[in-house]
Amino acid sequence: MNQYDIIIQSELTLWQKKMLRKPSLLNILSKKLQTQINNWIPEKIHVAITATLKQMIRAVLFGARHTTMKPFEGDSLELRETAVL
């Protein structure tokens, strides 16, 4: 393992710890507020919003499929990251 791989591995480990930690007090309170607001909104509106978001996401994914480049295959992660930067 070279120096680059060691740095990337430590960054990955930090990211994983961040993703796995428990929600903060602010996250818990905002989730409760979101749930309360969702209870006030009628079901018909929920269905309409869900359908709209579903179609928007489909459109974005369709566009992304045609506008993104193919990944560099065979190159090391270090070379690919350098190309991106």
PDB file of N, CA and C in Angstrom:
ATOM      1  N   MET A   1       0.842  -1.178   0.000  1.00  0.00           N
ATOM      2  CA  MET A   1       0.000   0.000   0.000  1.00  0.00           C
ATOM      3  C   MET A   1       0.891   1.247   0.000  1.00  0.00           C
ATOM      4  N   ASN A   2       0.641   2.165  -0.926  1.00  0.00           N
ATOM      5  CA  ASN A   2       1.452   3.378  -0.965  1.00  0.00           C
ATOM      6  C   ASN A   2       0.827   4.467  -0.078  1.00  0.00           C
ATOM      7  N   GLN A   3       1.509   5.606  -0.018  1.00  0.00           N
ATOM      8  CA  GLN A   3       1.070   6.704   0.861  1.00  0.00           C
ATOM      9  C   GLN A   3      -0.331   7.180   0.491  1.00  0.00           C
ATOM     10  N   TYR A   4      -0.610   7.283  -0.783  1.00  0.00           N
ATOM     11  CA  TYR A   4      -1.932   7.722  -1.240  1.00  0.00           C
ATOM     12  C   TYR A   4      -3.024   6.788  -0.729  1.00  0.00           C
ATOM     13  N   ASP A   5      -2.819   5.483  -0.855  1.00  0.00           N
ATOM     14  CA  ASP A   5      -3.814   4.508  -0.403  1.00  0.00           C
ATOM     15  C   ASP A   5      -4.056   4.611   1.100  1.00  0.00           C
ATOM     16  N   ILE A   6      -3.012   4.874   1.867  1.00  0.00           N
ATOM     17  CA  ILE A   6      -3.155   5.007   3.319  1.00  0.00           C
ATOM     18  C   ILE A   6      -4.005   6.233   3.656  1.00  0.00           C
ATOM     19  N   ILE A   7      -3.752   7.343   2.957  1.00  0.00           N
ATOM     20  CA  ILE A   7      -4.528   8.568   3.197  1.00  0.00           C
ATOM     21  C   ILE A   7      -5.993   8.344   2.830  1.00  0.00           C
ATOM     22  N   ILE A   8      -6.237   7.733   1.679  1.00  0.00           N
ATOM     23  CA  ILE A   8      -7.610   7.481   1.233  1.00  0.00           C
ATOM     24  C   ILE A   8      -8.323   6.543   2.207  1.00  0.00           C
ATOM     25  N   GLN A   9      -7.638   5.524   2.694  1.00  0.00           N
ATOM     26  CA  GLN A   9      -8.240   4.586   3.640  1.00  0.00           C
ATOM     27  C   GLN A   9      -8.634   5.296   4.930  1.00  0.00           C
ATOM     28  N   SER A  10      -7.790   6.206   5.416  1.00  0.00           N
ATOM     29  CA  SER A  10      -8.128   6.935   6.648  1.00  0.00           C
ATOM     30  C   SER A  10      -9.311   7.871   6.407  1.00  0.00           C
ATOM     31  N   GLU A  11      -9.369   8.523   5.225  1.00  0.00           N
ATOM     32  CA  GLU A  11     -10.514   9.373   4.900  1.00  0.00           C
ATOM     33  C   GLU A  11     -11.800   8.557   4.821  1.00  0.00           C
ATOM     34  N   LEU A  12     -11.721   7.382   4.239  1.00  0.00           N
ATOM     35  CA  LEU A  12     -12.883   6.505   4.146  1.00  0.00           C
ATOM     36  C   LEU A  12     -13.364   6.072   5.520  1.00  0.00           C
ATOM     37  N   THR A  13     -12.435   5.742   6.397  1.00  0.00           N
ATOM     38  CA  THR A  13     -12.794   5.330   7.749  1.00  0.00           C
ATOM     39  C   THR A  13     -13.482   6.465   8.492  1.00  0.00           C
ATOM     40  N   LEU A  14     -12.970   7.690   8.370  1.00  0.00           N
ATOM     41  CA  LEU A  14     -13.608   8.844   9.020  1.00  0.00           C
ATOM     42  C   LEU A  14     -15.014   9.068   8.479  1.00  0.00           C
ATOM     43  N   TRP A  15     -15.176   8.947   7.164  1.00  0.00           N
ATOM     44  CA  TRP A  15     -16.485   9.126   6.543  1.00  0.00           C
ATOM     45  C   TRP A  15     -17.474   8.076   7.051  1.00  0.00           C
ATOM     46  N   GLN A  16     -17.022   6.817   7.142  1.00  0.00           N
ATOM     47  CA  GLN A  16     -17.894   5.749   7.624  1.00  0.00           C
ATOM     48  C   GLN A  16     -18.334   6.015   9.059  1.00  0.00           C
ATOM     49  N   LYS A  17     -17.430   6.460   9.911  1.00  0.00           N
ATOM     50  CA  LYS A  17     -17.791   6.780  11.297  1.00  0.00           C
ATOM     51  C   LYS A  17     -18.821   7.895  11.346  1.00  0.00           C
ATOM     52  N   LYS A  18     -18.635   8.911  10.506  1.00  0.00           N
ATOM     53  CA  LYS A  18     -19.576  10.030  10.462  1.00  0.00           C
ATOM     54  C   LYS A  18     -20.963   9.560  10.035  1.00  0.00           C
ATOM     55  N   MET A  19     -21.024   8.670   9.046  1.00  0.00           N
ATOM     56  CA  MET A  19     -22.309   8.180   8.551  1.00  0.00           C
ATOM     57  C   MET A  19     -23.015   7.275   9.558  1.00  0.00           C
ATOM     58  N   LEU A  20     -22.269   6.605  10.408  1.00  0.00           N
ATOM     59  CA  LEU A  20     -22.844   5.628  11.331  1.00  0.00           C
ATOM     60  C   LEU A  20     -23.164   6.189  12.715  1.00  0.00           C
ATOM     61  N   ARG A  21     -22.788   7.440  12.977  1.00  0.00           N
ATOM     62  CA  ARG A  21     -23.051   7.965  14.314  1.00  0.00           C
ATOM     63  C   ARG A  21     -24.536   8.259  14.502  1.00  0.00           C
ATOM     64  N   LYS A  22     -24.926   8.325  15.758  1.00  0.00           N
ATOM     65  CA  LYS A  22     -26.333   8.540  16.085  1.00  0.00           C
ATOM     66  C   LYS A  22     -26.760   9.952  15.694  1.00  0.00           C
ATOM     67  N   PRO A  23     -28.062  10.138  15.421  1.00  0.00           N
ATOM     68  CA  PRO A  23     -28.546  11.466  15.047  1.00  0.00           C
ATOM     69  C   PRO A  23     -28.354  12.467  16.196  1.00  0.00           C
ATOM     70  N   SER A  24     -28.093  13.709  15.812  1.00  0.00           N
ATOM     71  CA  SER A  24     -27.926  14.762  16.815  1.00  0.00           C
ATOM     72  C   SER A  24     -29.296  15.202  17.327  1.00  0.00           C
ATOM     73  N   LEU A  25     -29.285  16.006  18.371  1.00  0.00           N
ATOM     74  CA  LEU A  25     -30.534  16.518  18.937  1.00  0.00           C
ATOM     75  C   LEU A  25     -31.298  17.324  17.893  1.00  0.00           C
ATOM     76  N   LEU A  26     -30.583  18.122  17.108  1.00  0.00           N
ATOM     77  CA  LEU A  26     -31.223  18.906  16.058  1.00  0.00           C
ATOM     78  C   LEU A  26     -31.899  18.000  15.025  1.00  0.00           C
ATOM     79  N   ASN A  27     -31.250  16.914  14.632  1.00  0.00           N
ATOM     80  CA  ASN A  27     -31.845  15.968  13.676  1.00  0.00           C
ATOM     81  C   ASN A  27     -33.098  15.319  14.241  1.00  0.00           C
ATOM     82  N   ILE A  28     -33.057  14.956  15.514  1.00  0.00           N
ATOM     83  CA  ILE A  28     -34.209  14.325  16.154  1.00  0.00           C
ATOM     84  C   ILE A  28     -35.387  15.296  16.195  1.00  0.00           C
ATOM     85  N   LEU A  29     -35.120  16.551  16.592  1.00  0.00           N
ATOM     86  CA  LEU A  29     -36.190  17.548  16.672  1.00  0.00           C
ATOM     87  C   LEU A  29     -36.757  17.873  15.294  1.00  0.00           C
ATOM     88  N   SER A  30     -35.899  17.982  14.291  1.00  0.00           N
ATOM     89  CA  SER A  30     -36.397  18.293  12.948  1.00  0.00           C
ATOM     90  C   SER A  30     -37.221  17.137  12.392  1.00  0.00           C
ATOM     91  N   LYS A  31     -36.854  15.904  12.730  1.00  0.00           N
ATOM     92  CA  LYS A  31     -37.639  14.743  12.293  1.00  0.00           C
ATOM     93  C   LYS A  31     -39.024  14.760  12.926  1.00  0.00           C
ATOM     94  N   LYS A  32     -39.089  15.116  14.219  1.00  0.00           N
ATOM     95  CA  LYS A  32     -40.394  15.201  14.890  1.00  0.00           C
ATOM     96  C   LYS A  32     -41.261  16.287  14.259  1.00  0.00           C
ATOM     97  N   LEU A  33     -40.649  17.438  13.941  1.00  0.00           N
ATOM     98  CA  LEU A  33     -41.389  18.521  13.304  1.00  0.00           C
ATOM     99  C   LEU A  33     -41.871  18.100  11.923  1.00  0.00           C
ATOM    100  N   GLN A  34     -41.024  17.428  11.174  1.00  0.00           N
ATOM    101  CA  GLN A  34     -41.400  16.945   9.843  1.00  0.00           C
ATOM    102  C   GLN A  34     -42.575  15.980   9.931  1.00  0.00           C
ATOM    103  N   THR A  35     -42.530  15.068  10.891  1.00  0.00           N
ATOM    104  CA  THR A  35     -43.619  14.108  11.066  1.00  0.00           C
ATOM    105  C   THR A  35     -44.919  14.823  11.416  1.00  0.00           C
ATOM    106  N   GLN A  36     -44.821  15.821  12.277  1.00  0.00           N
ATOM    107  CA  GLN A  36     -46.012  16.569  12.682  1.00  0.00           C
ATOM    108  C   GLN A  36     -46.613  17.318  11.490  1.00  0.00           C
ATOM    109  N   ILE A  37     -45.777  17.950  10.695  1.00  0.00           N
ATOM    110  CA  ILE A  37     -46.270  18.671   9.520  1.00  0.00           C
ATOM    111  C   ILE A  37     -46.892  17.685   8.525  1.00  0.00           C
ATOM    112  N   ASN A  38     -46.265  16.529   8.328  1.00  0.00           N
ATOM    113  CA  ASN A  38     -46.817  15.517   7.419  1.00  0.00           C
ATOM    114  C   ASN A  38     -48.189  15.041   7.868  1.00  0.00           C
ATOM    115  N   ASN A  39     -48.426  15.002   9.167  1.00  0.00           N
ATOM    116  CA  ASN A  39     -49.736  14.585   9.670  1.00  0.00           C
ATOM    117  C   ASN A  39     -50.814  15.612   9.362  1.00  0.00           C
ATOM    118  N   TRP A  40     -50.443  16.873   9.190  1.00  0.00           N
ATOM    119  CA  TRP A  40     -51.413  17.923   8.886  1.00  0.00           C
ATOM    120  C   TRP A  40     -51.803  17.938   7.410  1.00  0.00           C
ATOM    121  N   ILE A  41     -50.917  17.462   6.547  1.00  0.00           N
ATOM    122  CA  ILE A  41     -51.150  17.521   5.102  1.00  0.00           C
ATOM    123  C   ILE A  41     -52.057  16.358   4.679  1.00  0.00           C
ATOM    124  N   PRO A  42     -53.114  16.638   3.914  1.00  0.00           N
ATOM    125  CA  PRO A  42     -54.024  15.571   3.466  1.00  0.00           C
ATOM    126  C   PRO A  42     -53.310  14.533   2.584  1.00  0.00           C
ATOM    127  N   GLU A  43     -53.854  13.326   2.578  1.00  0.00           N
ATOM    128  CA  GLU A  43     -53.245  12.207   1.842  1.00  0.00           C
ATOM    129  C   GLU A  43     -53.186  12.479   0.339  1.00  0.00           C
ATOM    130  N   LYS A  44     -54.210  13.137  -0.218  1.00  0.00           N
ATOM    131  CA  LYS A  44     -54.208  13.433  -1.657  1.00  0.00           C
ATOM    132  C   LYS A  44     -53.007  14.290  -2.046  1.00  0.00           C
ATOM    133  N   ILE A  45     -52.657  15.227  -1.203  1.00  0.00           N
ATOM    134  CA  ILE A  45     -51.510  16.096  -1.487  1.00  0.00           C
ATOM    135  C   ILE A  45     -50.218  15.292  -1.392  1.00  0.00           C
ATOM    136  N   HIS A  46     -50.133  14.402  -0.393  1.00  0.00           N
ATOM    137  CA  HIS A  46     -48.960  13.526  -0.270  1.00  0.00           C
ATOM    138  C   HIS A  46     -48.771  12.700  -1.544  1.00  0.00           C
ATOM    139  N   VAL A  47     -49.855  12.147  -2.040  1.00  0.00           N
ATOM    140  CA  VAL A  47     -49.782  11.319  -3.252  1.00  0.00           C
ATOM    141  C   VAL A  47     -49.333  12.155  -4.443  1.00  0.00           C
ATOM    142  N   ALA A  48     -49.875  13.363  -4.568  1.00  0.00           N
ATOM    143  CA  ALA A  48     -49.510  14.234  -5.687  1.00  0.00           C
ATOM    144  C   ALA A  48     -48.033  14.633  -5.616  1.00  0.00           C
ATOM    145  N   ILE A  49     -47.572  14.997  -4.432  1.00  0.00           N
ATOM    146  CA  ILE A  49     -46.166  15.388  -4.267  1.00  0.00           C
ATOM    147  C   ILE A  49     -45.256  14.205  -4.560  1.00  0.00           C
ATOM    148  N   THR A  50     -45.615  13.027  -4.061  1.00  0.00           N
ATOM    149  CA  THR A  50     -44.809  11.826  -4.301  1.00  0.00           C
ATOM    150  C   THR A  50     -44.707  11.514  -5.787  1.00  0.00           C
ATOM    151  N   ALA A  51     -45.824  11.600  -6.495  1.00  0.00           N
ATOM    152  CA  ALA A  51     -45.817  11.323  -7.935  1.00  0.00           C
ATOM    153  C   ALA A  51     -44.964  12.344  -8.681  1.00  0.00           C
ATOM    154  N   THR A  52     -45.061  13.603  -8.297  1.00  0.00           N
ATOM    155  CA  THR A  52     -44.276  14.653  -8.940  1.00  0.00           C
ATOM    156  C   THR A  52     -42.784  14.425  -8.726  1.00  0.00           C
ATOM    157  N   LEU A  53     -42.395  14.146  -7.490  1.00  0.00           N
ATOM    158  CA  LEU A  53     -40.987  13.902  -7.190  1.00  0.00           C
ATOM    159  C   LEU A  53     -40.467  12.671  -7.919  1.00  0.00           C
ATOM    160  N   LYS A  54     -41.303  11.640  -8.015  1.00  0.00           N
ATOM    161  CA  LYS A  54     -40.904  10.419  -8.712  1.00  0.00           C
ATOM    162  C   LYS A  54     -40.583  10.724 -10.181  1.00  0.00           C
ATOM    163  N   GLN A  55     -41.429  11.513 -10.819  1.00  0.00           N
ATOM    164  CA  GLN A  55     -41.204  11.863 -12.224  1.00  0.00           C
ATOM    165  C   GLN A  55     -39.976  12.759 -12.388  1.00  0.00           C
ATOM    166  N   MET A  56     -39.763  13.680 -11.443  1.00  0.00           N
ATOM    167  CA  MET A  56     -38.588  14.553 -11.508  1.00  0.00           C
ATOM    168  C   MET A  56     -37.299  13.736 -11.379  1.00  0.00           C
ATOM    169  N   ILE A  57     -37.296  12.781 -10.462  1.00  0.00           N
ATOM    170  CA  ILE A  57     -36.124  11.941 -10.264  1.00  0.00           C
ATOM    171  C   ILE A  57     -35.863  11.082 -11.499  1.00  0.00           C
ATOM    172  N   ARG A  58     -36.917  10.552 -12.096  1.00  0.00           N
ATOM    173  CA  ARG A  58     -36.757   9.782 -13.333  1.00  0.00           C
ATOM    174  C   ARG A  58     -36.120  10.639 -14.427  1.00  0.00           C
ATOM    175  N   ALA A  59     -36.575  11.890 -14.547  1.00  0.00           N
ATOM    176  CA  ALA A  59     -36.035  12.787 -15.573  1.00  0.00           C
ATOM    177  C   ALA A  59     -34.556  13.077 -15.309  1.00  0.00           C
ATOM    178  N   VAL A  60     -34.202  13.327 -14.060  1.00  0.00           N
ATOM    179  CA  VAL A  60     -32.804  13.609 -13.719  1.00  0.00           C
ATOM    180  C   VAL A  60     -31.932  12.395 -14.013  1.00  0.00           C
ATOM    181  N   LEU A  61     -32.386  11.221 -13.623  1.00  0.00           N
ATOM    182  CA  LEU A  61     -31.602  10.011 -13.874  1.00  0.00           C
ATOM    183  C   LEU A  61     -31.457   9.740 -15.365  1.00  0.00           C
ATOM    184  N   PHE A  62     -32.513   9.976 -16.121  1.00  0.00           N
ATOM    185  CA  PHE A  62     -32.448   9.793 -17.567  1.00  0.00           C
ATOM    186  C   PHE A  62     -31.421  10.748 -18.171  1.00  0.00           C
ATOM    187  N   GLY A  63     -31.470  12.007 -17.756  1.00  0.00           N
ATOM    188  CA  GLY A  63     -30.517  12.990 -18.262  1.00  0.00           C
ATOM    189  C   GLY A  63     -29.094  12.666 -17.840  1.00  0.00           C
ATOM    190  N   ALA A  64     -28.913  12.211 -16.616  1.00  0.00           N
ATOM    191  CA  ALA A  64     -27.577  11.894 -16.118  1.00  0.00           C
ATOM    192  C   ALA A  64     -26.974  10.725 -16.888  1.00  0.00           C
ATOM    193  N   ARG A  65     -27.797   9.804 -17.298  1.00  0.00           N
ATOM    194  CA  ARG A  65     -27.315   8.648 -18.054  1.00  0.00           C
ATOM    195  C   ARG A  65     -26.703   9.088 -19.386  1.00  0.00           C
ATOM    196  N   HIS A  66     -27.233  10.186 -19.938  1.00  0.00           N
ATOM    197  CA  HIS A  66     -26.775  10.633 -21.260  1.00  0.00           C
ATOM    198  C   HIS A  66     -25.748  11.756 -21.196  1.00  0.00           C
ATOM    199  N   THR A  67     -25.540  12.348 -20.042  1.00  0.00           N
ATOM    200  CA  THR A  67     -24.621  13.487 -19.966  1.00  0.00           C
ATOM    201  C   THR A  67     -23.347  13.193 -19.193  1.00  0.00           C
ATOM    202  N   THR A  68     -23.278  12.084 -18.472  1.00  0.00           N
ATOM    203  CA  THR A  68     -22.072  11.788 -17.702  1.00  0.00           C
ATOM    204  C   THR A  68     -21.105  10.948 -18.519  1.00  0.00           C
ATOM    205  N   MET A  69     -19.834  11.142 -18.221  1.00  0.00           N
ATOM    206  CA  MET A  69     -18.802  10.385 -18.922  1.00  0.00           C
ATOM    207  C   MET A  69     -18.699   8.977 -18.353  1.00  0.00           C
ATOM    208  N   LYS A  70     -18.185   8.091 -19.176  1.00  0.00           N
ATOM    209  CA  LYS A  70     -17.897   6.733 -18.708  1.00  0.00           C
ATOM    210  C   LYS A  70     -16.689   6.793 -17.777  1.00  0.00           C
ATOM    211  N   PRO A  71     -16.655   5.977 -16.722  1.00  0.00           N
ATOM    212  CA  PRO A  71     -15.512   6.018 -15.807  1.00  0.00           C
ATOM    213  C   PRO A  71     -14.248   5.500 -16.483  1.00  0.00           C
ATOM    214  N   PHE A  72     -13.119   6.028 -16.022  1.00  0.00           N
ATOM    215  CA  PHE A  72     -11.834   5.532 -16.513  1.00  0.00           C
ATOM    216  C   PHE A  72     -11.642   4.133 -15.969  1.00  0.00           C
ATOM    217  N   GLU A  73     -11.452   3.182 -16.839  1.00  0.00           N
ATOM    218  CA  GLU A  73     -11.255   1.810 -16.383  1.00  0.00           C
ATOM    219  C   GLU A  73      -9.796   1.432 -16.483  1.00  0.00           C
ATOM    220  N   GLY A  74      -9.312   0.705 -15.498  1.00  0.00           N
ATOM    221  CA  GLY A  74      -7.945   0.239 -15.510  1.00  0.00           C
ATOM    222  C   GLY A  74      -6.975   1.183 -14.838  1.00  0.00           C
ATOM    223  N   ASP A  75      -7.356   2.443 -14.653  1.00  0.00           N
ATOM    224  CA  ASP A  75      -6.481   3.398 -13.984  1.00  0.00           C
ATOM    225  C   ASP A  75      -6.621   3.251 -12.479  1.00  0.00           C
ATOM    226  N   SER A  76      -5.597   3.672 -11.765  1.00  0.00           N
ATOM    227  CA  SER A  76      -5.652   3.628 -10.310  1.00  0.00           C
ATOM    228  C   SER A  76      -6.553   4.754  -9.805  1.00  0.00           C
ATOM    229  N   LEU A  77      -6.998   4.638  -8.578  1.00  0.00           N
ATOM    230  CA  LEU A  77      -7.838   5.671  -7.975  1.00  0.00           C
ATOM    231  C   LEU A  77      -7.099   7.004  -7.942  1.00  0.00           C
ATOM    232  N   GLU A  78      -5.813   6.955  -7.683  1.00  0.00           N
ATOM    233  CA  GLU A  78      -5.012   8.178  -7.626  1.00  0.00           C
ATOM    234  C   GLU A  78      -5.011   8.902  -8.974  1.00  0.00           C
ATOM    235  N   LEU A  79      -4.844   8.170 -10.063  1.00  0.00           N
ATOM    236  CA  LEU A  79      -4.857   8.783 -11.397  1.00  0.00           C
ATOM    237  C   LEU A  79      -6.229   9.348 -11.741  1.00  0.00           C
ATOM    238  N   ARG A  80      -7.288   8.626 -11.370  1.00  0.00           N
ATOM    239  CA  ARG A  80      -8.636   9.106 -11.652  1.00  0.00           C
ATOM    240  C   ARG A  80      -8.946  10.364 -10.852  1.00  0.00           C
ATOM    241  N   GLU A  81      -8.530  10.399  -9.597  1.00  0.00           N
ATOM    242  CA  GLU A  81      -8.781  11.584  -8.777  1.00  0.00           C
ATOM    243  C   GLU A  81      -7.999  12.778  -9.311  1.00  0.00           C
ATOM    244  N   THR A  82      -6.789  12.559  -9.757  1.00  0.00           N
ATOM    245  CA  THR A  82      -5.985  13.634 -10.342  1.00  0.00           C
ATOM    246  C   THR A  82      -6.658  14.175 -11.602  1.00  0.00           C
ATOM    247  N   ALA A  83      -7.210  13.293 -12.418  1.00  0.00           N
ATOM    248  CA  ALA A  83      -7.903  13.725 -13.631  1.00  0.00           C
ATOM    249  C   ALA A  83      -9.138  14.557 -13.297  1.00  0.00           C
ATOM    250  N   VAL A  84      -9.847  14.186 -12.247  1.00  0.00           N
ATOM    251  CA  VAL A  84     -11.041  14.917 -11.839  1.00  0.00           C
ATOM    252  C   VAL A  84     -10.662  16.308 -11.341  1.00  0.00           C
ATOM    253  N   LEU A  85      -9.613  16.372 -10.524  1.00  0.00           N
ATOM    254  CA  LEU A  85      -9.196  17.670  -9.987  1.00  0.00           C
ATOM    255  C   LEU A  85      -8.646  18.557 -11.079  1.00  0.00           C
TER     256      LEU A  85
END
